[in-house]
Amino acid sequence: MRNKLHFTKIDWIIYFPLTGNQDRKIPDYGVAYRDRINKRSQSGKKIYLSDVLIKPVIKTNYPHNVALYQKSVGRGSNWKPKYIDERTIQNEKDLIAWIRKIEEKK
């Protein structure tokens, strides 16, 4: 995985793979996610980013504090990501715009 977005208040992580999303619109990106509070992930290998963003815990709880990271240390309650950037995201449009900027830096 390359970039990871941590929704800090709800403790969800969206993982972006290194390959496979070239020439796709951002909502159609294949991603994986982890709900750290309920210890749940998506079923199967990857799902579309748009399918994650319609989850009620994300869709109905804007604004979100979201942090970008690539590496972390520890597990469980000792887990500590090393944030590269942090933002308050007001809505899905803001999130997609930020992801676009992140992807342009590749």
PDB file of N, CA and C in Angstrom:
ATOM      1  N   MET A   1       0.839  -1.181   0.000  1.00  0.00           N
ATOM      2  CA  MET A   1       0.000   0.000   0.000  1.00  0.00           C
ATOM      3  C   MET A   1       0.885   1.245   0.000  1.00  0.00           C
ATOM      4  N   ARG A   2       0.406   2.250  -0.636  1.00  0.00           N
ATOM      5  CA  ARG A   2       1.188   3.482  -0.720  1.00  0.00           C
ATOM      6  C   ARG A   2       0.684   4.508   0.284  1.00  0.00           C
ATOM      7  N   ASN A   3      -0.387   5.188  -0.051  1.00  0.00           N
ATOM      8  CA  ASN A   3      -0.937   6.198   0.848  1.00  0.00           C
ATOM      9  C   ASN A   3      -2.097   5.633   1.640  1.00  0.00           C
ATOM     10  N   LYS A   4      -2.248   6.160   2.834  1.00  0.00           N
ATOM     11  CA  LYS A   4      -3.332   5.743   3.707  1.00  0.00           C
ATOM     12  C   LYS A   4      -3.949   6.991   4.312  1.00  0.00           C
ATOM     13  N   LEU A   5      -5.282   7.031   4.338  1.00  0.00           N
ATOM     14  CA  LEU A   5      -5.990   8.144   4.956  1.00  0.00           C
ATOM     15  C   LEU A   5      -6.646   7.659   6.229  1.00  0.00           C
ATOM     16  N   HIS A   6      -6.358   8.330   7.323  1.00  0.00           N
ATOM     17  CA  HIS A   6      -6.924   7.990   8.629  1.00  0.00           C
ATOM     18  C   HIS A   6      -7.983   9.016   8.990  1.00  0.00           C
ATOM     19  N   PHE A   7      -9.225   8.579   9.077  1.00  0.00           N
ATOM     20  CA  PHE A   7     -10.319   9.419   9.557  1.00  0.00           C
ATOM     21  C   PHE A   7     -10.249   9.327  11.073  1.00  0.00           C
ATOM     22  N   THR A   8      -9.658  10.331  11.691  1.00  0.00           N
ATOM     23  CA  THR A   8      -9.233  10.209  13.087  1.00  0.00           C
ATOM     24  C   THR A   8     -10.373  10.092  14.088  1.00  0.00           C
ATOM     25  N   LYS A   9     -11.454  10.838  13.917  1.00  0.00           N
ATOM     26  CA  LYS A   9     -12.551  10.791  14.892  1.00  0.00           C
ATOM     27  C   LYS A   9     -13.289   9.457  14.877  1.00  0.00           C
ATOM     28  N   ILE A  10     -13.480   8.886  13.685  1.00  0.00           N
ATOM     29  CA  ILE A  10     -14.205   7.618  13.598  1.00  0.00           C
ATOM     30  C   ILE A  10     -13.249   6.427  13.543  1.00  0.00           C
ATOM     31  N   ASP A  11     -11.951   6.692  13.469  1.00  0.00           N
ATOM     32  CA  ASP A  11     -10.882   5.696  13.452  1.00  0.00           C
ATOM     33  C   ASP A  11     -11.032   4.685  12.316  1.00  0.00           C
ATOM     34  N   TRP A  12     -11.225   5.222  11.130  1.00  0.00           N
ATOM     35  CA  TRP A  12     -11.261   4.427   9.901  1.00  0.00           C
ATOM     36  C   TRP A  12     -10.024   4.743   9.080  1.00  0.00           C
ATOM     37  N   ILE A  13      -9.550   3.748   8.340  1.00  0.00           N
ATOM     38  CA  ILE A  13      -8.408   3.927   7.448  1.00  0.00           C
ATOM     39  C   ILE A  13      -8.824   3.481   6.054  1.00  0.00           C
ATOM     40  N   ILE A  14      -8.483   4.292   5.059  1.00  0.00           N
ATOM     41  CA  ILE A  14      -8.655   3.907   3.662  1.00  0.00           C
ATOM     42  C   ILE A  14      -7.258   3.728   3.085  1.00  0.00           C
ATOM     43  N   TYR A  15      -7.016   2.553   2.513  1.00  0.00           N
ATOM     44  CA  TYR A  15      -5.714   2.195   1.956  1.00  0.00           C
ATOM     45  C   TYR A  15      -5.763   2.295   0.430  1.00  0.00           C
ATOM     46  N   PHE A  16      -4.785   2.973  -0.148  1.00  0.00           N
ATOM     47  CA  PHE A  16      -4.659   3.104  -1.594  1.00  0.00           C
ATOM     48  C   PHE A  16      -3.491   2.232  -2.055  1.00  0.00           C
ATOM     49  N   PRO A  17      -3.728   1.293  -2.964  1.00  0.00           N
ATOM     50  CA  PRO A  17      -2.637   0.418  -3.422  1.00  0.00           C
ATOM     51  C   PRO A  17      -1.653   1.163  -4.323  1.00  0.00           C
ATOM     52  N   LEU A  18      -0.485   0.579  -4.489  1.00  0.00           N
ATOM     53  CA  LEU A  18       0.544   1.167  -5.337  1.00  0.00           C
ATOM     54  C   LEU A  18       0.138   1.197  -6.803  1.00  0.00           C
ATOM     55  N   THR A  19      -0.558   0.176  -7.267  1.00  0.00           N
ATOM     56  CA  THR A  19      -0.921   0.085  -8.682  1.00  0.00           C
ATOM     57  C   THR A  19      -2.392  -0.286  -8.821  1.00  0.00           C
ATOM     58  N   GLY A  20      -2.881  -0.143 -10.030  1.00  0.00           N
ATOM     59  CA  GLY A  20      -4.229  -0.587 -10.341  1.00  0.00           C
ATOM     60  C   GLY A  20      -5.253   0.521 -10.499  1.00  0.00           C
ATOM     61  N   ASN A  21      -4.917   1.750 -10.149  1.00  0.00           N
ATOM     62  CA  ASN A  21      -5.882   2.839 -10.256  1.00  0.00           C
ATOM     63  C   ASN A  21      -5.562   3.823 -11.380  1.00  0.00           C
ATOM     64  N   GLN A  22      -4.548   3.527 -12.174  1.00  0.00           N
ATOM     65  CA  GLN A  22      -4.198   4.406 -13.269  1.00  0.00           C
ATOM     66  C   GLN A  22      -5.385   4.509 -14.226  1.00  0.00           C
ATOM     67  N   ASP A  23      -5.612   5.704 -14.752  1.00  0.00           N
ATOM     68  CA  ASP A  23      -6.661   5.985 -15.728  1.00  0.00           C
ATOM     69  C   ASP A  23      -8.078   5.801 -15.184  1.00  0.00           C
ATOM     70  N   ARG A  24      -8.239   5.764 -13.881  1.00  0.00           N
ATOM     71  CA  ARG A  24      -9.573   5.687 -13.278  1.00  0.00           C
ATOM     72  C   ARG A  24      -9.918   7.029 -12.663  1.00  0.00           C
ATOM     73  N   LYS A  25     -11.209   7.336 -12.623  1.00  0.00           N
ATOM     74  CA  LYS A  25     -11.668   8.495 -11.870  1.00  0.00           C
ATOM     75  C   LYS A  25     -11.527   8.156 -10.393  1.00  0.00           C
ATOM     76  N   ILE A  26     -11.258   9.145  -9.566  1.00  0.00           N
ATOM     77  CA  ILE A  26     -10.982   8.898  -8.152  1.00  0.00           C
ATOM     78  C   ILE A  26     -12.100   8.116  -7.454  1.00  0.00           C
ATOM     79  N   PRO A  27     -13.386   8.412  -7.658  1.00  0.00           N
ATOM     80  CA  PRO A  27     -14.416   7.599  -6.994  1.00  0.00           C
ATOM     81  C   PRO A  27     -14.381   6.123  -7.409  1.00  0.00           C
ATOM     82  N   ASP A  28     -13.787   5.824  -8.567  1.00  0.00           N
ATOM     83  CA  ASP A  28     -13.694   4.446  -9.055  1.00  0.00           C
ATOM     84  C   ASP A  28     -12.397   3.744  -8.643  1.00  0.00           C
ATOM     85  N   TYR A  29     -11.588   4.399  -7.826  1.00  0.00           N
ATOM     86  CA  TYR A  29     -10.356   3.765  -7.348  1.00  0.00           C
ATOM     87  C   TYR A  29     -10.689   2.513  -6.549  1.00  0.00           C
ATOM     88  N   GLY A  30      -9.881   1.496  -6.741  1.00  0.00           N
ATOM     89  CA  GLY A  30      -9.963   0.317  -5.899  1.00  0.00           C
ATOM     90  C   GLY A  30      -9.190   0.588  -4.622  1.00  0.00           C
ATOM     91  N   VAL A  31      -9.828   0.408  -3.479  1.00  0.00           N
ATOM     92  CA  VAL A  31      -9.206   0.674  -2.179  1.00  0.00           C
ATOM     93  C   VAL A  31      -9.560  -0.447  -1.211  1.00  0.00           C
ATOM     94  N   ALA A  32      -8.928  -0.410  -0.074  1.00  0.00           N
ATOM     95  CA  ALA A  32      -9.291  -1.266   1.049  1.00  0.00           C
ATOM     96  C   ALA A  32      -9.549  -0.340   2.232  1.00  0.00           C
ATOM     97  N   TYR A  33     -10.322  -0.799   3.194  1.00  0.00           N
ATOM     98  CA  TYR A  33     -10.552   0.030   4.374  1.00  0.00           C
ATOM     99  C   TYR A  33     -10.520  -0.814   5.635  1.00  0.00           C
ATOM    100  N   ARG A  34     -10.359  -0.138   6.746  1.00  0.00           N
ATOM    101  CA  ARG A  34     -10.348  -0.774   8.068  1.00  0.00           C
ATOM    102  C   ARG A  34     -11.085   0.121   9.042  1.00  0.00           C
ATOM    103  N   ASP A  35     -12.119  -0.425   9.672  1.00  0.00           N
ATOM    104  CA  ASP A  35     -12.830   0.229  10.767  1.00  0.00           C
ATOM    105  C   ASP A  35     -12.142  -0.274  12.029  1.00  0.00           C
ATOM    106  N   ARG A  36     -11.255   0.533  12.578  1.00  0.00           N
ATOM    107  CA  ARG A  36     -10.442   0.086  13.714  1.00  0.00           C
ATOM    108  C   ARG A  36     -11.267  -0.083  14.983  1.00  0.00           C
ATOM    109  N   ILE A  37     -12.325   0.671  15.158  1.00  0.00           N
ATOM    110  CA  ILE A  37     -13.139   0.560  16.372  1.00  0.00           C
ATOM    111  C   ILE A  37     -13.874  -0.782  16.403  1.00  0.00           C
ATOM    112  N   ASN A  38     -14.527  -1.126  15.289  1.00  0.00           N
ATOM    113  CA  ASN A  38     -15.294  -2.376  15.227  1.00  0.00           C
ATOM    114  C   ASN A  38     -14.497  -3.542  14.665  1.00  0.00           C
ATOM    115  N   LYS A  39     -13.224  -3.296  14.360  1.00  0.00           N
ATOM    116  CA  LYS A  39     -12.320  -4.317  13.836  1.00  0.00           C
ATOM    117  C   LYS A  39     -12.915  -5.017  12.621  1.00  0.00           C
ATOM    118  N   ARG A  40     -13.333  -4.175  11.631  1.00  0.00           N
ATOM    119  CA  ARG A  40     -13.917  -4.706  10.404  1.00  0.00           C
ATOM    120  C   ARG A  40     -13.206  -4.123   9.193  1.00  0.00           C
ATOM    121  N   SER A  41     -13.154  -4.947   8.159  1.00  0.00           N
ATOM    122  CA  SER A  41     -12.613  -4.527   6.868  1.00  0.00           C
ATOM    123  C   SER A  41     -13.634  -4.873   5.797  1.00  0.00           C
ATOM    124  N   GLN A  42     -13.369  -4.417   4.582  1.00  0.00           N
ATOM    125  CA  GLN A  42     -14.247  -4.766   3.484  1.00  0.00           C
ATOM    126  C   GLN A  42     -14.178  -6.259   3.229  1.00  0.00           C
ATOM    127  N   SER A  43     -15.244  -6.808   2.686  1.00  0.00           N
ATOM    128  CA  SER A  43     -15.192  -8.220   2.298  1.00  0.00           C
ATOM    129  C   SER A  43     -14.523  -8.294   0.936  1.00  0.00           C
ATOM    130  N   GLY A  44     -13.775  -9.313   0.685  1.00  0.00           N
ATOM    131  CA  GLY A  44     -13.061  -9.426  -0.585  1.00  0.00           C
ATOM    132  C   GLY A  44     -11.766  -8.645  -0.562  1.00  0.00           C
ATOM    133  N   LYS A  45     -11.207  -8.424  -1.735  1.00  0.00           N
ATOM    134  CA  LYS A  45      -9.897  -7.786  -1.805  1.00  0.00           C
ATOM    135  C   LYS A  45      -9.955  -6.271  -1.809  1.00  0.00           C
ATOM    136  N   LYS A  46     -10.612  -5.675  -2.807  1.00  0.00           N
ATOM    137  CA  LYS A  46     -10.707  -4.226  -2.896  1.00  0.00           C
ATOM    138  C   LYS A  46     -12.132  -3.855  -3.262  1.00  0.00           C
ATOM    139  N   ILE A  47     -12.526  -2.641  -2.900  1.00  0.00           N
ATOM    140  CA  ILE A  47     -13.809  -2.112  -3.317  1.00  0.00           C
ATOM    141  C   ILE A  47     -13.584  -0.705  -3.860  1.00  0.00           C
ATOM    142  N   TYR A  48     -14.580  -0.151  -4.472  1.00  0.00           N
ATOM    143  CA  TYR A  48     -14.454   1.201  -4.990  1.00  0.00           C
ATOM    144  C   TYR A  48     -14.462   2.208  -3.851  1.00  0.00           C
ATOM    145  N   LEU A  49     -13.691   3.276  -4.028  1.00  0.00           N
ATOM    146  CA  LEU A  49     -13.684   4.351  -3.047  1.00  0.00           C
ATOM    147  C   LEU A  49     -15.097   4.884  -2.841  1.00  0.00           C
ATOM    148  N   SER A  50     -15.870   5.019  -3.907  1.00  0.00           N
ATOM    149  CA  SER A  50     -17.245   5.529  -3.780  1.00  0.00           C
ATOM    150  C   SER A  50     -18.087   4.655  -2.855  1.00  0.00           C
ATOM    151  N   ASP A  51     -17.834   3.341  -2.831  1.00  0.00           N
ATOM    152  CA  ASP A  51     -18.570   2.444  -1.941  1.00  0.00           C
ATOM    153  C   ASP A  51     -18.200   2.658  -0.472  1.00  0.00           C
ATOM    154  N   VAL A  52     -16.977   3.078  -0.233  1.00  0.00           N
ATOM    155  CA  VAL A  52     -16.567   3.382   1.141  1.00  0.00           C
ATOM    156  C   VAL A  52     -17.179   4.714   1.581  1.00  0.00           C
ATOM    157  N   LEU A  53     -17.174   5.686   0.684  1.00  0.00           N
ATOM    158  CA  LEU A  53     -17.640   7.022   1.050  1.00  0.00           C
ATOM    159  C   LEU A  53     -19.146   7.105   1.285  1.00  0.00           C
ATOM    160  N   ILE A  54     -19.906   6.095   0.848  1.00  0.00           N
ATOM    161  CA  ILE A  54     -21.349   6.101   1.131  1.00  0.00           C
ATOM    162  C   ILE A  54     -21.690   5.367   2.424  1.00  0.00           C
ATOM    163  N   LYS A  55     -20.698   4.801   3.078  1.00  0.00           N
ATOM    164  CA  LYS A  55     -20.946   4.177   4.383  1.00  0.00           C
ATOM    165  C   LYS A  55     -21.484   5.250   5.324  1.00  0.00           C
ATOM    166  N   PRO A  56     -22.569   4.978   6.047  1.00  0.00           N
ATOM    167  CA  PRO A  56     -23.177   6.003   6.900  1.00  0.00           C
ATOM    168  C   PRO A  56     -22.209   6.687   7.862  1.00  0.00           C
ATOM    169  N   VAL A  57     -21.277   5.941   8.428  1.00  0.00           N
ATOM    170  CA  VAL A  57     -20.347   6.531   9.391  1.00  0.00           C
ATOM    171  C   VAL A  57     -19.479   7.615   8.744  1.00  0.00           C
ATOM    172  N   ILE A  58     -19.248   7.507   7.451  1.00  0.00           N
ATOM    173  CA  ILE A  58     -18.495   8.542   6.732  1.00  0.00           C
ATOM    174  C   ILE A  58     -19.444   9.591   6.174  1.00  0.00           C
ATOM    175  N   LYS A  59     -20.436   9.140   5.438  1.00  0.00           N
ATOM    176  CA  LYS A  59     -21.328  10.060   4.717  1.00  0.00           C
ATOM    177  C   LYS A  59     -22.080  11.027   5.634  1.00  0.00           C
ATOM    178  N   THR A  60     -22.470  10.589   6.819  1.00  0.00           N
ATOM    179  CA  THR A  60     -23.310  11.429   7.682  1.00  0.00           C
ATOM    180  C   THR A  60     -22.548  12.137   8.793  1.00  0.00           C
ATOM    181  N   ASN A  61     -21.225  12.025   8.810  1.00  0.00           N
ATOM    182  CA  ASN A  61     -20.461  12.617   9.908  1.00  0.00           C
ATOM    183  C   ASN A  61     -19.467  13.693   9.499  1.00  0.00           C
ATOM    184  N   TYR A  62     -19.679  14.320   8.332  1.00  0.00           N
ATOM    185  CA  TYR A  62     -18.814  15.441   7.962  1.00  0.00           C
ATOM    186  C   TYR A  62     -19.081  16.597   8.899  1.00  0.00           C
ATOM    187  N   PRO A  63     -18.075  17.404   9.213  1.00  0.00           N
ATOM    188  CA  PRO A  63     -16.696  17.341   8.723  1.00  0.00           C
ATOM    189  C   PRO A  63     -15.917  16.223   9.409  1.00  0.00           C
ATOM    190  N   HIS A  64     -14.903  15.738   8.684  1.00  0.00           N
ATOM    191  CA  HIS A  64     -13.996  14.710   9.198  1.00  0.00           C
ATOM    192  C   HIS A  64     -12.599  15.301   9.331  1.00  0.00           C
ATOM    193  N   ASN A  65     -11.902  14.893  10.365  1.00  0.00           N
ATOM    194  CA  ASN A  65     -10.467  15.159  10.453  1.00  0.00           C
ATOM    195  C   ASN A  65      -9.795  13.966   9.794  1.00  0.00           C
ATOM    196  N   VAL A  66      -9.031  14.240   8.744  1.00  0.00           N
ATOM    197  CA  VAL A  66      -8.406  13.174   7.971  1.00  0.00           C
ATOM    198  C   VAL A  66      -6.916  13.446   7.902  1.00  0.00           C
ATOM    199  N   ALA A  67      -6.122  12.406   8.121  1.00  0.00           N
ATOM    200  CA  ALA A  67      -4.670  12.540   8.087  1.00  0.00           C
ATOM    201  C   ALA A  67      -4.095  11.547   7.081  1.00  0.00           C
ATOM    202  N   LEU A  68      -3.146  12.020   6.298  1.00  0.00           N
ATOM    203  CA  LEU A  68      -2.440  11.195   5.331  1.00  0.00           C
ATOM    204  C   LEU A  68      -1.192  10.629   5.988  1.00  0.00           C
ATOM    205  N   TYR A  69      -0.967   9.339   5.796  1.00  0.00           N
ATOM    206  CA  TYR A  69       0.276   8.734   6.284  1.00  0.00           C
ATOM    207  C   TYR A  69       0.683   7.598   5.368  1.00  0.00           C
ATOM    208  N   GLN A  70       1.927   7.172   5.482  1.00  0.00           N
ATOM    209  CA  GLN A  70       2.423   6.036   4.725  1.00  0.00           C
ATOM    210  C   GLN A  70       2.965   4.951   5.648  1.00  0.00           C
ATOM    211  N   LYS A  71       3.448   5.337   6.810  1.00  0.00           N
ATOM    212  CA  LYS A  71       4.038   4.363   7.738  1.00  0.00           C
ATOM    213  C   LYS A  71       3.438   4.532   9.126  1.00  0.00           C
ATOM    214  N   SER A  72       3.462   3.439   9.871  1.00  0.00           N
ATOM    215  CA  SER A  72       3.002   3.474  11.255  1.00  0.00           C
ATOM    216  C   SER A  72       3.816   2.466  12.058  1.00  0.00           C
ATOM    217  N   VAL A  73       3.716   2.592  13.360  1.00  0.00           N
ATOM    218  CA  VAL A  73       4.382   1.651  14.259  1.00  0.00           C
ATOM    219  C   VAL A  73       3.357   1.161  15.274  1.00  0.00           C
ATOM    220  N   GLY A  74       3.598  -0.027  15.818  1.00  0.00           N
ATOM    221  CA  GLY A  74       2.731  -0.572  16.853  1.00  0.00           C
ATOM    222  C   GLY A  74       1.466  -1.206  16.300  1.00  0.00           C
ATOM    223  N   ARG A  75       0.706  -1.796  17.232  1.00  0.00           N
ATOM    224  CA  ARG A  75      -0.548  -2.462  16.887  1.00  0.00           C
ATOM    225  C   ARG A  75      -1.594  -2.136  17.934  1.00  0.00           C
ATOM    226  N   GLY A  76      -2.860  -2.312  17.557  1.00  0.00           N
ATOM    227  CA  GLY A  76      -3.945  -2.107  18.510  1.00  0.00           C
ATOM    228  C   GLY A  76      -3.922  -0.724  19.121  1.00  0.00           C
ATOM    229  N   SER A  77      -4.035  -0.671  20.447  1.00  0.00           N
ATOM    230  CA  SER A  77      -4.052   0.626  21.129  1.00  0.00           C
ATOM    231  C   SER A  77      -2.686   1.314  21.110  1.00  0.00           C
ATOM    232  N   ASN A  78      -1.623   0.598  20.765  1.00  0.00           N
ATOM    233  CA  ASN A  78      -0.280   1.177  20.669  1.00  0.00           C
ATOM    234  C   ASN A  78       0.054   1.662  19.257  1.00  0.00           C
ATOM    235  N   TRP A  79      -0.904   1.592  18.342  1.00  0.00           N
ATOM    236  CA  TRP A  79      -0.698   1.975  16.948  1.00  0.00           C
ATOM    237  C   TRP A  79      -0.489   3.480  16.843  1.00  0.00           C
ATOM    238  N   LYS A  80       0.553   3.880  16.146  1.00  0.00           N
ATOM    239  CA  LYS A  80       0.883   5.292  15.961  1.00  0.00           C
ATOM    240  C   LYS A  80       1.276   5.531  14.506  1.00  0.00           C
ATOM    241  N   PRO A  81       0.401   6.172  13.724  1.00  0.00           N
ATOM    242  CA  PRO A  81       0.789   6.516  12.359  1.00  0.00           C
ATOM    243  C   PRO A  81       1.688   7.749  12.343  1.00  0.00           C
ATOM    244  N   LYS A  82       2.521   7.831  11.332  1.00  0.00           N
ATOM    245  CA  LYS A  82       3.385   8.996  11.152  1.00  0.00           C
ATOM    246  C   LYS A  82       2.749   9.869  10.074  1.00  0.00           C
ATOM    247  N   TYR A  83       1.979  10.856  10.512  1.00  0.00           N
ATOM    248  CA  TYR A  83       1.215  11.690   9.592  1.00  0.00           C
ATOM    249  C   TYR A  83       2.119  12.581   8.748  1.00  0.00           C
ATOM    250  N   ILE A  84       1.743  12.693   7.468  1.00  0.00           N
ATOM    251  CA  ILE A  84       2.425  13.562   6.517  1.00  0.00           C
ATOM    252  C   ILE A  84       1.664  14.872   6.399  1.00  0.00           C
ATOM    253  N   ASP A  85       0.336  14.781   6.433  1.00  0.00           N
ATOM    254  CA  ASP A  85      -0.532  15.944   6.261  1.00  0.00           C
ATOM    255  C   ASP A  85      -1.849  15.650   6.974  1.00  0.00           C
ATOM    256  N   GLU A  86      -2.482  16.696   7.495  1.00  0.00           N
ATOM    257  CA  GLU A  86      -3.778  16.555   8.157  1.00  0.00           C
ATOM    258  C   GLU A  86      -4.703  17.653   7.668  1.00  0.00           C
ATOM    259  N   ARG A  87      -5.973  17.305   7.491  1.00  0.00           N
ATOM    260  CA  ARG A  87      -6.958  18.266   7.011  1.00  0.00           C
ATOM    261  C   ARG A  87      -8.297  18.055   7.705  1.00  0.00           C
ATOM    262  N   THR A  88      -9.072  19.115   7.767  1.00  0.00           N
ATOM    263  CA  THR A  88     -10.478  19.003   8.119  1.00  0.00           C
ATOM    264  C   THR A  88     -11.234  19.027   6.803  1.00  0.00           C
ATOM    265  N   ILE A  89     -11.936  17.965   6.529  1.00  0.00           N
ATOM    266  CA  ILE A  89     -12.644  17.788   5.267  1.00  0.00           C
ATOM    267  C   ILE A  89     -14.125  18.057   5.514  1.00  0.00           C
ATOM    268  N   GLN A  90     -14.675  19.018   4.786  1.00  0.00           N
ATOM    269  CA  GLN A  90     -16.060  19.436   4.996  1.00  0.00           C
ATOM    270  C   GLN A  90     -17.090  18.546   4.309  1.00  0.00           C
ATOM    271  N   ASN A  91     -16.698  17.920   3.186  1.00  0.00           N
ATOM    272  CA  ASN A  91     -17.643  17.109   2.429  1.00  0.00           C
ATOM    273  C   ASN A  91     -16.882  16.194   1.466  1.00  0.00           C
ATOM    274  N   GLU A  92     -17.612  15.360   0.767  1.00  0.00           N
ATOM    275  CA  GLU A  92     -16.981  14.413  -0.148  1.00  0.00           C
ATOM    276  C   GLU A  92     -16.226  15.123  -1.271  1.00  0.00           C
ATOM    277  N   LYS A  93     -16.753  16.227  -1.750  1.00  0.00           N
ATOM    278  CA  LYS A  93     -16.086  16.991  -2.810  1.00  0.00           C
ATOM    279  C   LYS A  93     -14.702  17.452  -2.356  1.00  0.00           C
ATOM    280  N   ASP A  94     -14.589  17.933  -1.114  1.00  0.00           N
ATOM    281  CA  ASP A  94     -13.287  18.338  -0.561  1.00  0.00           C
ATOM    282  C   ASP A  94     -12.331  17.153  -0.477  1.00  0.00           C
ATOM    283  N   LEU A  95     -12.858  16.005  -0.076  1.00  0.00           N
ATOM    284  CA  LEU A  95     -12.018  14.809   0.054  1.00  0.00           C
ATOM    285  C   LEU A  95     -11.479  14.384  -1.303  1.00  0.00           C
ATOM    286  N   ILE A  96     -12.341  14.337  -2.314  1.00  0.00           N
ATOM    287  CA  ILE A  96     -11.909  13.947  -3.661  1.00  0.00           C
ATOM    288  C   ILE A  96     -10.858  14.926  -4.185  1.00  0.00           C
ATOM    289  N   ALA A  97     -11.061  16.215  -3.949  1.00  0.00           N
ATOM    290  CA  ALA A  97     -10.084  17.221  -4.391  1.00  0.00           C
ATOM    291  C   ALA A  97      -8.737  17.005  -3.710  1.00  0.00           C
ATOM    292  N   TRP A  98      -8.738  16.685  -2.414  1.00  0.00           N
ATOM    293  CA  TRP A  98      -7.485  16.439  -1.701  1.00  0.00           C
ATOM    294  C   TRP A  98      -6.805  15.177  -2.227  1.00  0.00           C
ATOM    295  N   ILE A  99      -7.580  14.126  -2.446  1.00  0.00           N
ATOM    296  CA  ILE A  99      -6.998  12.883  -2.987  1.00  0.00           C
ATOM    297  C   ILE A  99      -6.376  13.166  -4.350  1.00  0.00           C
ATOM    298  N   ARG A 100      -7.027  13.978  -5.167  1.00  0.00           N
ATOM    299  CA  ARG A 100      -6.488  14.336  -6.476  1.00  0.00           C
ATOM    300  C   ARG A 100      -5.121  14.995  -6.316  1.00  0.00           C
ATOM    301  N   LYS A 101      -4.983  15.915  -5.364  1.00  0.00           N
ATOM    302  CA  LYS A 101      -3.686  16.580  -5.122  1.00  0.00           C
ATOM    303  C   LYS A 101      -2.642  15.573  -4.652  1.00  0.00           C
ATOM    304  N   ILE A 102      -3.041  14.660  -3.800  1.00  0.00           N
ATOM    305  CA  ILE A 102      -2.106  13.624  -3.320  1.00  0.00           C
ATOM    306  C   ILE A 102      -1.633  12.770  -4.498  1.00  0.00           C
ATOM    307  N   GLU A 103      -2.550  12.380  -5.353  1.00  0.00           N
ATOM    308  CA  GLU A 103      -2.212  11.522  -6.492  1.00  0.00           C
ATOM    309  C   GLU A 103      -1.331  12.250  -7.500  1.00  0.00           C
ATOM    310  N   GLU A 104      -1.487  13.546  -7.633  1.00  0.00           N
ATOM    311  CA  GLU A 104      -0.652  14.309  -8.574  1.00  0.00           C
ATOM    312  C   GLU A 104       0.794  14.369  -8.116  1.00  0.00           C
ATOM    313  N   LYS A 105       1.049  14.165  -6.843  1.00  0.00           N
ATOM    314  CA  LYS A 105       2.420  14.221  -6.307  1.00  0.00           C
ATOM    315  C   LYS A 105       3.196  12.923  -6.505  1.00  0.00           C
ATOM    316  N   LYS A 106       2.561  11.914  -7.067  1.00  0.00           N
ATOM    317  CA  LYS A 106       3.244  10.624  -7.256  1.00  0.00           C
ATOM    318  C   LYS A 106       4.500  10.778  -8.058  1.00  0.00           C
TER     319      LYS A 106
END
